[in-house]
């Protein structure tokens, strides 16, 4: 049976795939329209989510680049953003799968984006990471409601637990593997 964090990493990937499938179906002007959310558009919000996952994975693993700004646009192209999202979700699943209860309880030191040293239990960092994803994914979900005036795809954890498969975005984009 997967640990709670392994389940959250799997859910994160599943929910992102469902959200990205809907985002890929939008016309460009709707996808980039300012909907009044914190990062303005669906495109801005999805970029922020990828950026912050990379930020935290860099802090956890020591591998990767730290962003200069939290509103940085990593990818202008939706296809490239989607492939990067798939790769980052796979990376997150792999990193989380290596943690046991002892590792989760240990303090982990890192620096904030302003360079301030911090230390807290690894489990608290992961709780923040997944909560942050859920928060902004909810904003992206709202963007879809606003833009389409239809109910967006369900992102309920129960749907994953009941076996609803994620869409195959790599196949849809004609890529055999995430970037």
N, C-alpha and C. Protein backbone atom coordinates (compact mmCIF):
# COMPACT_ATOMS: atom_id res chain seq x y z
N UNK A 1 0.85 -1.19 0.00
CA UNK A 1 0.00 0.00 0.00
C UNK A 1 0.90 1.25 0.00
N UNK A 2 0.60 2.20 -0.88
CA UNK A 2 1.44 3.41 -0.93
C UNK A 2 1.28 4.25 0.33
N UNK A 3 2.36 4.96 0.68
CA UNK A 3 2.29 5.89 1.79
C UNK A 3 1.38 7.06 1.40
N UNK A 4 1.04 7.86 2.37
CA UNK A 4 0.21 9.04 2.09
C UNK A 4 0.89 9.95 1.07
N UNK A 5 2.19 10.17 1.23
CA UNK A 5 2.88 11.06 0.30
C UNK A 5 3.01 10.45 -1.08
N UNK A 6 3.16 9.13 -1.17
CA UNK A 6 3.18 8.48 -2.48
C UNK A 6 1.81 8.63 -3.16
N UNK A 7 0.75 8.49 -2.37
CA UNK A 7 -0.59 8.66 -2.93
C UNK A 7 -0.80 10.11 -3.38
N UNK A 8 -0.31 11.07 -2.60
CA UNK A 8 -0.45 12.48 -2.99
C UNK A 8 0.35 12.79 -4.25
N UNK A 9 1.52 12.19 -4.39
CA UNK A 9 2.32 12.39 -5.61
C UNK A 9 1.60 11.80 -6.82
N UNK A 10 1.02 10.62 -6.66
CA UNK A 10 0.26 10.00 -7.75
C UNK A 10 -0.98 10.84 -8.08
N UNK A 11 -1.66 11.31 -7.05
CA UNK A 11 -2.83 12.17 -7.28
C UNK A 11 -2.43 13.46 -8.00
N UNK A 12 -1.34 14.05 -7.58
CA UNK A 12 -0.85 15.27 -8.19
C UNK A 12 -0.67 15.08 -9.70
N UNK A 13 -0.04 14.00 -10.08
CA UNK A 13 0.18 13.69 -11.49
C UNK A 13 -1.14 13.47 -12.22
N UNK A 14 -2.02 12.70 -11.62
CA UNK A 14 -3.32 12.38 -12.20
C UNK A 14 -4.14 13.66 -12.40
N UNK A 15 -4.24 14.49 -11.36
CA UNK A 15 -5.04 15.71 -11.44
C UNK A 15 -4.44 16.69 -12.45
N UNK A 16 -3.12 16.79 -12.48
CA UNK A 16 -2.49 17.66 -13.46
C UNK A 16 -2.80 17.20 -14.88
N UNK A 17 -2.77 15.90 -15.12
CA UNK A 17 -3.07 15.38 -16.46
C UNK A 17 -4.50 15.73 -16.86
N UNK A 18 -5.43 15.60 -15.95
CA UNK A 18 -6.84 15.93 -16.26
C UNK A 18 -6.99 17.42 -16.54
N UNK A 19 -6.31 18.24 -15.76
CA UNK A 19 -6.37 19.68 -15.93
C UNK A 19 -5.72 20.11 -17.25
N UNK A 20 -4.57 19.55 -17.54
CA UNK A 20 -3.87 19.89 -18.78
C UNK A 20 -4.65 19.43 -20.01
N UNK A 21 -5.31 18.28 -19.92
CA UNK A 21 -6.12 17.83 -21.06
C UNK A 21 -7.18 18.89 -21.40
N UNK A 22 -7.82 19.43 -20.38
CA UNK A 22 -8.83 20.47 -20.60
C UNK A 22 -8.19 21.75 -21.12
N UNK A 23 -7.03 22.10 -20.59
CA UNK A 23 -6.33 23.31 -21.03
C UNK A 23 -5.90 23.22 -22.48
N UNK A 24 -5.45 22.04 -22.89
CA UNK A 24 -5.02 21.85 -24.28
C UNK A 24 -6.17 21.98 -25.27
N UNK A 25 -7.39 21.74 -24.80
CA UNK A 25 -8.56 21.81 -25.68
C UNK A 25 -9.06 23.24 -25.90
N UNK A 26 -8.58 24.19 -25.11
CA UNK A 26 -9.05 25.58 -25.22
C UNK A 26 -8.43 26.29 -26.42
N UNK A 27 -9.18 27.21 -27.01
CA UNK A 27 -8.57 28.10 -28.00
C UNK A 27 -7.51 28.96 -27.30
N UNK A 28 -6.50 29.36 -28.05
CA UNK A 28 -5.37 30.11 -27.49
C UNK A 28 -5.81 31.36 -26.73
N UNK A 29 -6.76 32.11 -27.30
CA UNK A 29 -7.17 33.37 -26.65
C UNK A 29 -7.84 33.12 -25.30
N UNK A 30 -8.57 32.03 -25.15
CA UNK A 30 -9.17 31.71 -23.85
C UNK A 30 -8.10 31.21 -22.87
N UNK A 31 -7.21 30.38 -23.35
CA UNK A 31 -6.15 29.83 -22.51
C UNK A 31 -5.32 30.93 -21.87
N UNK A 32 -5.11 32.03 -22.58
CA UNK A 32 -4.27 33.12 -22.09
C UNK A 32 -5.08 34.30 -21.53
N UNK A 33 -6.39 34.20 -21.50
CA UNK A 33 -7.23 35.31 -21.04
C UNK A 33 -7.06 35.56 -19.55
N UNK A 34 -7.06 36.82 -19.18
CA UNK A 34 -6.98 37.22 -17.77
C UNK A 34 -8.33 36.91 -17.12
N UNK A 35 -8.31 36.01 -16.14
CA UNK A 35 -9.55 35.62 -15.45
C UNK A 35 -9.64 36.19 -14.05
N UNK A 36 -8.64 36.99 -13.65
CA UNK A 36 -8.67 37.60 -12.34
C UNK A 36 -8.04 36.77 -11.24
N UNK A 37 -7.48 35.61 -11.56
CA UNK A 37 -6.79 34.81 -10.55
C UNK A 37 -5.41 35.42 -10.29
N UNK A 38 -4.74 34.95 -9.27
CA UNK A 38 -3.50 35.56 -8.82
C UNK A 38 -2.44 35.66 -9.93
N UNK A 39 -2.28 34.60 -10.72
CA UNK A 39 -1.31 34.62 -11.81
C UNK A 39 -1.98 34.93 -13.15
N UNK A 40 -3.09 35.62 -13.06
CA UNK A 40 -3.84 36.22 -14.16
C UNK A 40 -4.60 35.22 -15.04
N UNK A 41 -3.89 34.30 -15.66
CA UNK A 41 -4.50 33.42 -16.66
C UNK A 41 -4.27 31.96 -16.30
N UNK A 42 -4.93 31.09 -17.03
CA UNK A 42 -4.68 29.66 -16.88
C UNK A 42 -3.21 29.38 -17.21
N UNK A 43 -2.69 29.99 -18.26
CA UNK A 43 -1.30 29.81 -18.65
C UNK A 43 -0.35 30.25 -17.52
N UNK A 44 -0.58 31.41 -16.93
CA UNK A 44 0.25 31.89 -15.84
C UNK A 44 0.20 30.99 -14.62
N UNK A 45 -0.98 30.49 -14.31
CA UNK A 45 -1.16 29.61 -13.15
C UNK A 45 -0.45 28.28 -13.36
N UNK A 46 -0.59 27.69 -14.54
CA UNK A 46 0.06 26.41 -14.81
C UNK A 46 1.58 26.56 -14.81
N UNK A 47 2.09 27.66 -15.32
CA UNK A 47 3.53 27.91 -15.26
C UNK A 47 4.00 28.04 -13.81
N UNK A 48 3.23 28.75 -12.99
CA UNK A 48 3.60 28.91 -11.59
C UNK A 48 3.67 27.56 -10.88
N UNK A 49 2.72 26.70 -11.14
CA UNK A 49 2.72 25.38 -10.50
C UNK A 49 3.96 24.57 -10.89
N UNK A 50 4.32 24.61 -12.14
CA UNK A 50 5.52 23.89 -12.58
C UNK A 50 6.76 24.51 -11.93
N UNK A 51 6.82 25.82 -11.94
CA UNK A 51 7.96 26.53 -11.36
C UNK A 51 8.14 26.18 -9.89
N UNK A 52 7.06 26.18 -9.12
CA UNK A 52 7.21 25.92 -7.68
C UNK A 52 7.51 24.45 -7.40
N UNK A 53 7.01 23.53 -8.22
CA UNK A 53 7.43 22.14 -8.06
C UNK A 53 8.93 22.01 -8.30
N UNK A 54 9.41 22.67 -9.32
CA UNK A 54 10.85 22.64 -9.59
C UNK A 54 11.64 23.27 -8.45
N UNK A 55 11.14 24.36 -7.92
CA UNK A 55 11.79 25.03 -6.80
C UNK A 55 11.92 24.06 -5.63
N UNK A 56 10.82 23.41 -5.24
CA UNK A 56 10.87 22.52 -4.08
C UNK A 56 11.68 21.26 -4.36
N UNK A 57 11.58 20.72 -5.57
CA UNK A 57 12.38 19.54 -5.88
C UNK A 57 13.88 19.87 -5.89
N UNK A 58 14.23 21.07 -6.32
CA UNK A 58 15.62 21.50 -6.25
C UNK A 58 16.06 21.61 -4.79
N UNK A 59 15.21 22.17 -3.96
CA UNK A 59 15.54 22.27 -2.53
C UNK A 59 15.69 20.89 -1.89
N UNK A 60 14.88 19.94 -2.32
CA UNK A 60 14.91 18.60 -1.74
C UNK A 60 16.06 17.75 -2.26
N UNK A 61 16.42 17.92 -3.53
CA UNK A 61 17.39 17.02 -4.14
C UNK A 61 18.74 17.68 -4.42
N UNK A 62 18.77 19.01 -4.45
CA UNK A 62 19.99 19.71 -4.83
C UNK A 62 20.23 19.75 -6.33
N UNK A 63 19.27 19.24 -7.10
CA UNK A 63 19.41 19.19 -8.56
C UNK A 63 18.36 20.09 -9.19
N UNK A 64 18.81 21.03 -10.02
CA UNK A 64 17.89 21.91 -10.73
C UNK A 64 18.23 23.37 -10.51
N UNK A 65 17.48 24.20 -11.19
CA UNK A 65 17.67 25.65 -11.14
C UNK A 65 16.63 26.29 -10.23
N UNK A 66 17.05 27.27 -9.46
CA UNK A 66 16.12 28.04 -8.64
C UNK A 66 15.59 29.21 -9.49
N UNK A 67 14.29 29.43 -9.48
CA UNK A 67 13.75 30.56 -10.24
C UNK A 67 14.12 31.89 -9.59
N UNK A 68 14.11 32.92 -10.40
CA UNK A 68 14.38 34.26 -9.88
C UNK A 68 13.09 34.92 -9.39
N UNK A 69 11.98 34.58 -10.03
CA UNK A 69 10.67 35.16 -9.67
C UNK A 69 9.62 34.06 -9.67
N UNK A 70 8.64 34.16 -8.80
CA UNK A 70 7.59 33.14 -8.72
C UNK A 70 6.54 33.28 -9.82
N UNK A 71 6.56 34.39 -10.54
CA UNK A 71 5.61 34.56 -11.65
C UNK A 71 6.30 34.39 -13.01
N UNK A 72 7.50 33.85 -13.00
CA UNK A 72 8.26 33.63 -14.23
C UNK A 72 7.50 32.66 -15.15
N UNK A 73 7.49 32.96 -16.43
CA UNK A 73 6.89 32.07 -17.41
C UNK A 73 8.01 31.17 -17.94
N UNK A 74 7.92 29.90 -17.60
CA UNK A 74 8.95 28.95 -18.01
C UNK A 74 8.80 28.53 -19.47
N UNK A 75 7.56 28.40 -19.90
CA UNK A 75 7.26 27.95 -21.26
C UNK A 75 6.11 28.77 -21.81
N UNK A 76 6.34 29.40 -22.93
CA UNK A 76 5.25 30.10 -23.62
C UNK A 76 4.36 29.12 -24.37
N UNK A 77 4.98 28.07 -24.90
CA UNK A 77 4.26 27.09 -25.70
C UNK A 77 3.55 26.07 -24.80
N UNK A 78 2.26 25.87 -25.02
CA UNK A 78 1.47 24.93 -24.21
C UNK A 78 1.97 23.50 -24.31
N UNK A 79 2.37 23.10 -25.49
CA UNK A 79 2.85 21.73 -25.68
C UNK A 79 4.12 21.51 -24.86
N UNK A 80 5.06 22.43 -24.92
CA UNK A 80 6.30 22.32 -24.15
C UNK A 80 6.01 22.35 -22.66
N UNK A 81 5.08 23.21 -22.23
CA UNK A 81 4.70 23.27 -20.82
C UNK A 81 4.11 21.94 -20.37
N UNK A 82 3.27 21.35 -21.19
CA UNK A 82 2.66 20.06 -20.85
C UNK A 82 3.70 18.97 -20.73
N UNK A 83 4.62 18.89 -21.68
CA UNK A 83 5.67 17.87 -21.62
C UNK A 83 6.56 18.07 -20.39
N UNK A 84 6.86 19.32 -20.06
CA UNK A 84 7.65 19.61 -18.86
C UNK A 84 6.88 19.21 -17.60
N UNK A 85 5.58 19.45 -17.59
CA UNK A 85 4.74 19.06 -16.45
C UNK A 85 4.77 17.55 -16.26
N UNK A 86 4.64 16.81 -17.35
CA UNK A 86 4.68 15.34 -17.27
C UNK A 86 6.01 14.87 -16.68
N UNK A 87 7.09 15.48 -17.13
CA UNK A 87 8.42 15.09 -16.63
C UNK A 87 8.57 15.44 -15.15
N UNK A 88 8.09 16.59 -14.76
CA UNK A 88 8.23 17.00 -13.36
C UNK A 88 7.36 16.14 -12.44
N UNK A 89 6.18 15.76 -12.92
CA UNK A 89 5.33 14.87 -12.12
C UNK A 89 6.00 13.51 -11.93
N UNK A 90 6.62 13.00 -12.98
CA UNK A 90 7.34 11.72 -12.86
C UNK A 90 8.52 11.86 -11.89
N UNK A 91 9.20 12.99 -11.95
CA UNK A 91 10.33 13.25 -11.04
C UNK A 91 9.84 13.30 -9.60
N UNK A 92 8.73 13.98 -9.36
CA UNK A 92 8.19 14.10 -8.00
C UNK A 92 7.80 12.73 -7.45
N UNK A 93 7.16 11.92 -8.27
CA UNK A 93 6.79 10.56 -7.84
C UNK A 93 8.03 9.76 -7.46
N UNK A 94 9.07 9.86 -8.28
CA UNK A 94 10.31 9.12 -8.01
C UNK A 94 10.98 9.60 -6.72
N UNK A 95 11.03 10.90 -6.51
CA UNK A 95 11.67 11.45 -5.30
C UNK A 95 10.90 11.01 -4.06
N UNK A 96 9.60 11.16 -4.08
CA UNK A 96 8.77 10.81 -2.91
C UNK A 96 8.85 9.32 -2.61
N UNK A 97 8.97 8.50 -3.63
CA UNK A 97 9.00 7.04 -3.41
C UNK A 97 10.24 6.60 -2.62
N UNK A 98 11.27 7.44 -2.57
CA UNK A 98 12.50 7.08 -1.85
C UNK A 98 12.43 7.39 -0.36
N UNK A 99 11.43 8.11 0.09
CA UNK A 99 11.36 8.52 1.49
C UNK A 99 10.65 7.48 2.34
N UNK A 100 11.29 7.10 3.45
CA UNK A 100 10.63 6.25 4.44
C UNK A 100 10.22 7.12 5.62
N UNK A 101 9.60 6.53 6.62
CA UNK A 101 9.10 7.29 7.77
C UNK A 101 10.23 8.03 8.49
N UNK A 102 11.38 7.39 8.57
CA UNK A 102 12.51 8.03 9.24
C UNK A 102 12.96 9.28 8.48
N UNK A 103 13.05 9.17 7.18
CA UNK A 103 13.45 10.33 6.36
C UNK A 103 12.42 11.45 6.47
N UNK A 104 11.15 11.09 6.48
CA UNK A 104 10.08 12.10 6.54
C UNK A 104 10.12 12.88 7.86
N UNK A 105 10.59 12.25 8.92
CA UNK A 105 10.63 12.90 10.23
C UNK A 105 11.86 13.79 10.42
N UNK A 106 12.89 13.56 9.61
CA UNK A 106 14.14 14.33 9.76
C UNK A 106 13.98 15.77 9.29
N UNK A 107 14.68 16.70 9.95
CA UNK A 107 14.68 18.08 9.47
C UNK A 107 15.45 18.19 8.15
N UNK A 108 14.98 19.07 7.32
CA UNK A 108 15.63 19.31 6.02
C UNK A 108 15.93 20.80 5.92
N UNK A 109 17.19 21.13 5.64
CA UNK A 109 17.61 22.52 5.54
C UNK A 109 17.56 22.97 4.08
N UNK A 110 17.14 24.21 3.87
CA UNK A 110 17.08 24.80 2.53
C UNK A 110 17.11 26.32 2.68
N UNK A 111 17.17 27.01 1.56
CA UNK A 111 17.12 28.47 1.57
C UNK A 111 15.86 28.92 0.84
N UNK A 112 15.23 29.98 1.36
CA UNK A 112 14.07 30.56 0.70
C UNK A 112 14.53 31.26 -0.57
N UNK A 113 13.58 31.73 -1.37
CA UNK A 113 13.93 32.44 -2.60
C UNK A 113 14.70 33.72 -2.30
N UNK A 114 14.53 34.26 -1.10
CA UNK A 114 15.29 35.46 -0.72
C UNK A 114 16.64 35.12 -0.09
N UNK A 115 16.96 33.82 0.01
CA UNK A 115 18.25 33.40 0.53
C UNK A 115 18.27 33.12 2.02
N UNK A 116 17.15 33.25 2.70
CA UNK A 116 17.09 33.01 4.15
C UNK A 116 17.13 31.51 4.45
N UNK A 117 18.03 31.09 5.35
CA UNK A 117 18.09 29.66 5.70
C UNK A 117 16.84 29.23 6.48
N UNK A 118 16.37 28.04 6.17
CA UNK A 118 15.22 27.45 6.85
C UNK A 118 15.52 25.98 7.11
N UNK A 119 14.83 25.43 8.10
CA UNK A 119 14.92 24.00 8.37
C UNK A 119 13.59 23.56 8.96
N UNK A 120 13.06 22.46 8.44
CA UNK A 120 11.81 21.90 8.97
C UNK A 120 11.73 20.44 8.57
N UNK A 121 10.86 19.68 9.24
CA UNK A 121 10.75 18.26 8.89
C UNK A 121 10.36 18.09 7.41
N UNK A 122 10.94 17.10 6.79
CA UNK A 122 10.65 16.80 5.39
C UNK A 122 9.15 16.60 5.17
N UNK A 123 8.48 15.95 6.11
CA UNK A 123 7.04 15.73 5.96
C UNK A 123 6.27 17.05 5.87
N UNK A 124 6.68 18.06 6.62
CA UNK A 124 6.02 19.37 6.56
C UNK A 124 6.24 20.03 5.20
N UNK A 125 7.45 19.88 4.67
CA UNK A 125 7.74 20.44 3.34
C UNK A 125 6.85 19.79 2.29
N UNK A 126 6.74 18.46 2.34
CA UNK A 126 5.90 17.76 1.37
C UNK A 126 4.43 18.13 1.52
N UNK A 127 3.97 18.28 2.78
CA UNK A 127 2.58 18.72 2.98
C UNK A 127 2.36 20.09 2.33
N UNK A 128 3.32 20.99 2.50
CA UNK A 128 3.20 22.30 1.87
C UNK A 128 3.18 22.18 0.35
N UNK A 129 4.09 21.41 -0.20
CA UNK A 129 4.18 21.26 -1.65
C UNK A 129 2.85 20.78 -2.22
N UNK A 130 2.28 19.73 -1.64
CA UNK A 130 1.03 19.19 -2.18
C UNK A 130 -0.16 20.11 -1.90
N UNK A 131 -0.16 20.79 -0.76
CA UNK A 131 -1.22 21.75 -0.48
C UNK A 131 -1.15 22.92 -1.45
N UNK A 132 0.05 23.39 -1.73
CA UNK A 132 0.25 24.48 -2.69
C UNK A 132 -0.27 24.09 -4.07
N UNK A 133 0.05 22.88 -4.49
CA UNK A 133 -0.44 22.38 -5.78
C UNK A 133 -1.98 22.40 -5.79
N UNK A 134 -2.59 21.89 -4.74
CA UNK A 134 -4.05 21.84 -4.68
C UNK A 134 -4.65 23.24 -4.72
N UNK A 135 -4.05 24.16 -4.00
CA UNK A 135 -4.54 25.55 -3.96
C UNK A 135 -4.56 26.16 -5.36
N UNK A 136 -3.42 26.14 -6.03
CA UNK A 136 -3.36 26.78 -7.36
C UNK A 136 -4.04 25.94 -8.44
N UNK A 137 -4.06 24.63 -8.28
CA UNK A 137 -4.82 23.81 -9.24
C UNK A 137 -6.30 24.15 -9.14
N UNK A 138 -6.76 24.48 -7.93
CA UNK A 138 -8.14 24.95 -7.76
C UNK A 138 -8.38 26.25 -8.51
N UNK A 139 -7.39 27.14 -8.51
CA UNK A 139 -7.52 28.37 -9.29
C UNK A 139 -7.58 28.06 -10.78
N UNK A 140 -6.74 27.14 -11.23
CA UNK A 140 -6.76 26.76 -12.64
C UNK A 140 -8.09 26.12 -13.00
N UNK A 141 -8.63 25.33 -12.10
CA UNK A 141 -9.94 24.70 -12.30
C UNK A 141 -11.02 25.77 -12.43
N UNK A 142 -10.92 26.80 -11.60
CA UNK A 142 -11.85 27.93 -11.69
C UNK A 142 -11.71 28.66 -13.02
N UNK A 143 -10.48 28.83 -13.48
CA UNK A 143 -10.25 29.44 -14.79
C UNK A 143 -11.02 28.68 -15.87
N UNK A 144 -10.94 27.36 -15.82
CA UNK A 144 -11.66 26.55 -16.82
C UNK A 144 -13.16 26.78 -16.74
N UNK A 145 -13.70 26.86 -15.53
CA UNK A 145 -15.15 27.13 -15.37
C UNK A 145 -15.51 28.49 -15.96
N UNK A 146 -14.71 29.49 -15.65
CA UNK A 146 -14.97 30.85 -16.12
C UNK A 146 -14.87 30.92 -17.64
N UNK A 147 -13.84 30.31 -18.18
CA UNK A 147 -13.57 30.41 -19.61
C UNK A 147 -14.54 29.62 -20.47
N UNK A 148 -14.95 28.45 -20.00
CA UNK A 148 -15.81 27.58 -20.82
C UNK A 148 -17.28 27.67 -20.44
N UNK A 149 -17.56 28.20 -19.26
CA UNK A 149 -18.92 28.23 -18.73
C UNK A 149 -19.53 26.82 -18.64
N UNK A 150 -18.62 25.86 -18.47
CA UNK A 150 -19.03 24.46 -18.28
C UNK A 150 -18.28 23.90 -17.08
N UNK A 151 -18.78 22.77 -16.61
CA UNK A 151 -18.11 22.11 -15.49
C UNK A 151 -16.79 21.50 -15.97
N UNK A 152 -15.68 21.87 -15.34
CA UNK A 152 -14.39 21.29 -15.73
C UNK A 152 -14.29 19.84 -15.25
N UNK A 153 -13.26 19.13 -15.67
CA UNK A 153 -13.13 17.73 -15.24
C UNK A 153 -12.98 17.63 -13.72
N UNK A 154 -13.55 16.58 -13.17
CA UNK A 154 -13.44 16.35 -11.74
C UNK A 154 -11.98 16.08 -11.38
N UNK A 155 -11.55 16.72 -10.29
CA UNK A 155 -10.21 16.48 -9.76
C UNK A 155 -10.28 15.83 -8.39
N UNK A 156 -11.42 15.28 -8.05
CA UNK A 156 -11.59 14.66 -6.73
C UNK A 156 -10.67 13.46 -6.56
N UNK A 157 -9.97 13.44 -5.44
CA UNK A 157 -9.08 12.34 -5.11
C UNK A 157 -9.80 11.00 -5.18
N UNK A 158 -11.05 10.98 -4.78
CA UNK A 158 -11.82 9.73 -4.81
C UNK A 158 -11.90 9.14 -6.21
N UNK A 159 -11.91 9.97 -7.23
CA UNK A 159 -11.98 9.48 -8.60
C UNK A 159 -10.70 8.69 -8.94
N UNK A 160 -9.56 9.18 -8.51
CA UNK A 160 -8.31 8.43 -8.69
C UNK A 160 -8.36 7.14 -7.89
N UNK A 161 -8.79 7.23 -6.63
CA UNK A 161 -8.84 6.05 -5.77
C UNK A 161 -9.79 4.99 -6.31
N UNK A 162 -10.81 5.41 -7.04
CA UNK A 162 -11.77 4.47 -7.64
C UNK A 162 -11.31 3.93 -8.99
N UNK A 163 -10.14 4.39 -9.45
CA UNK A 163 -9.57 3.80 -10.64
C UNK A 163 -9.74 4.55 -11.95
N UNK A 164 -10.24 5.80 -11.91
CA UNK A 164 -10.37 6.57 -13.14
C UNK A 164 -8.97 6.86 -13.69
N UNK A 165 -8.67 6.38 -14.89
CA UNK A 165 -7.31 6.59 -15.41
C UNK A 165 -7.10 8.03 -15.86
N UNK A 166 -5.83 8.46 -15.83
CA UNK A 166 -5.53 9.80 -16.34
C UNK A 166 -5.50 9.77 -17.86
N UNK A 167 -5.70 10.90 -18.49
CA UNK A 167 -5.52 10.94 -19.95
C UNK A 167 -4.05 10.73 -20.30
N UNK A 168 -3.79 10.19 -21.47
CA UNK A 168 -2.42 9.98 -21.92
C UNK A 168 -1.98 11.20 -22.71
N UNK A 169 -1.44 12.18 -22.01
CA UNK A 169 -1.06 13.44 -22.66
C UNK A 169 0.15 13.26 -23.57
N UNK A 170 1.08 12.40 -23.21
CA UNK A 170 2.25 12.18 -24.06
C UNK A 170 1.80 11.64 -25.41
N UNK A 171 0.86 10.71 -25.40
CA UNK A 171 0.34 10.17 -26.66
C UNK A 171 -0.40 11.25 -27.45
N UNK A 172 -1.20 12.02 -26.75
CA UNK A 172 -1.96 13.09 -27.41
C UNK A 172 -1.03 14.09 -28.09
N UNK A 173 0.10 14.36 -27.46
CA UNK A 173 1.05 15.32 -28.00
C UNK A 173 2.03 14.69 -28.98
N UNK A 174 1.91 13.37 -29.17
CA UNK A 174 2.80 12.69 -30.10
C UNK A 174 4.19 12.47 -29.56
N UNK A 175 4.30 12.40 -28.24
CA UNK A 175 5.60 12.19 -27.60
C UNK A 175 5.57 10.83 -26.93
N UNK A 176 6.63 10.07 -27.10
CA UNK A 176 6.69 8.75 -26.48
C UNK A 176 7.04 8.82 -25.00
N UNK A 177 7.58 9.95 -24.57
CA UNK A 177 7.95 10.09 -23.16
C UNK A 177 7.92 11.55 -22.78
N UNK A 178 7.80 11.84 -21.47
CA UNK A 178 7.86 13.24 -21.03
C UNK A 178 9.23 13.84 -21.35
N UNK A 179 9.24 15.17 -21.54
CA UNK A 179 10.48 15.88 -21.87
C UNK A 179 11.45 15.88 -20.71
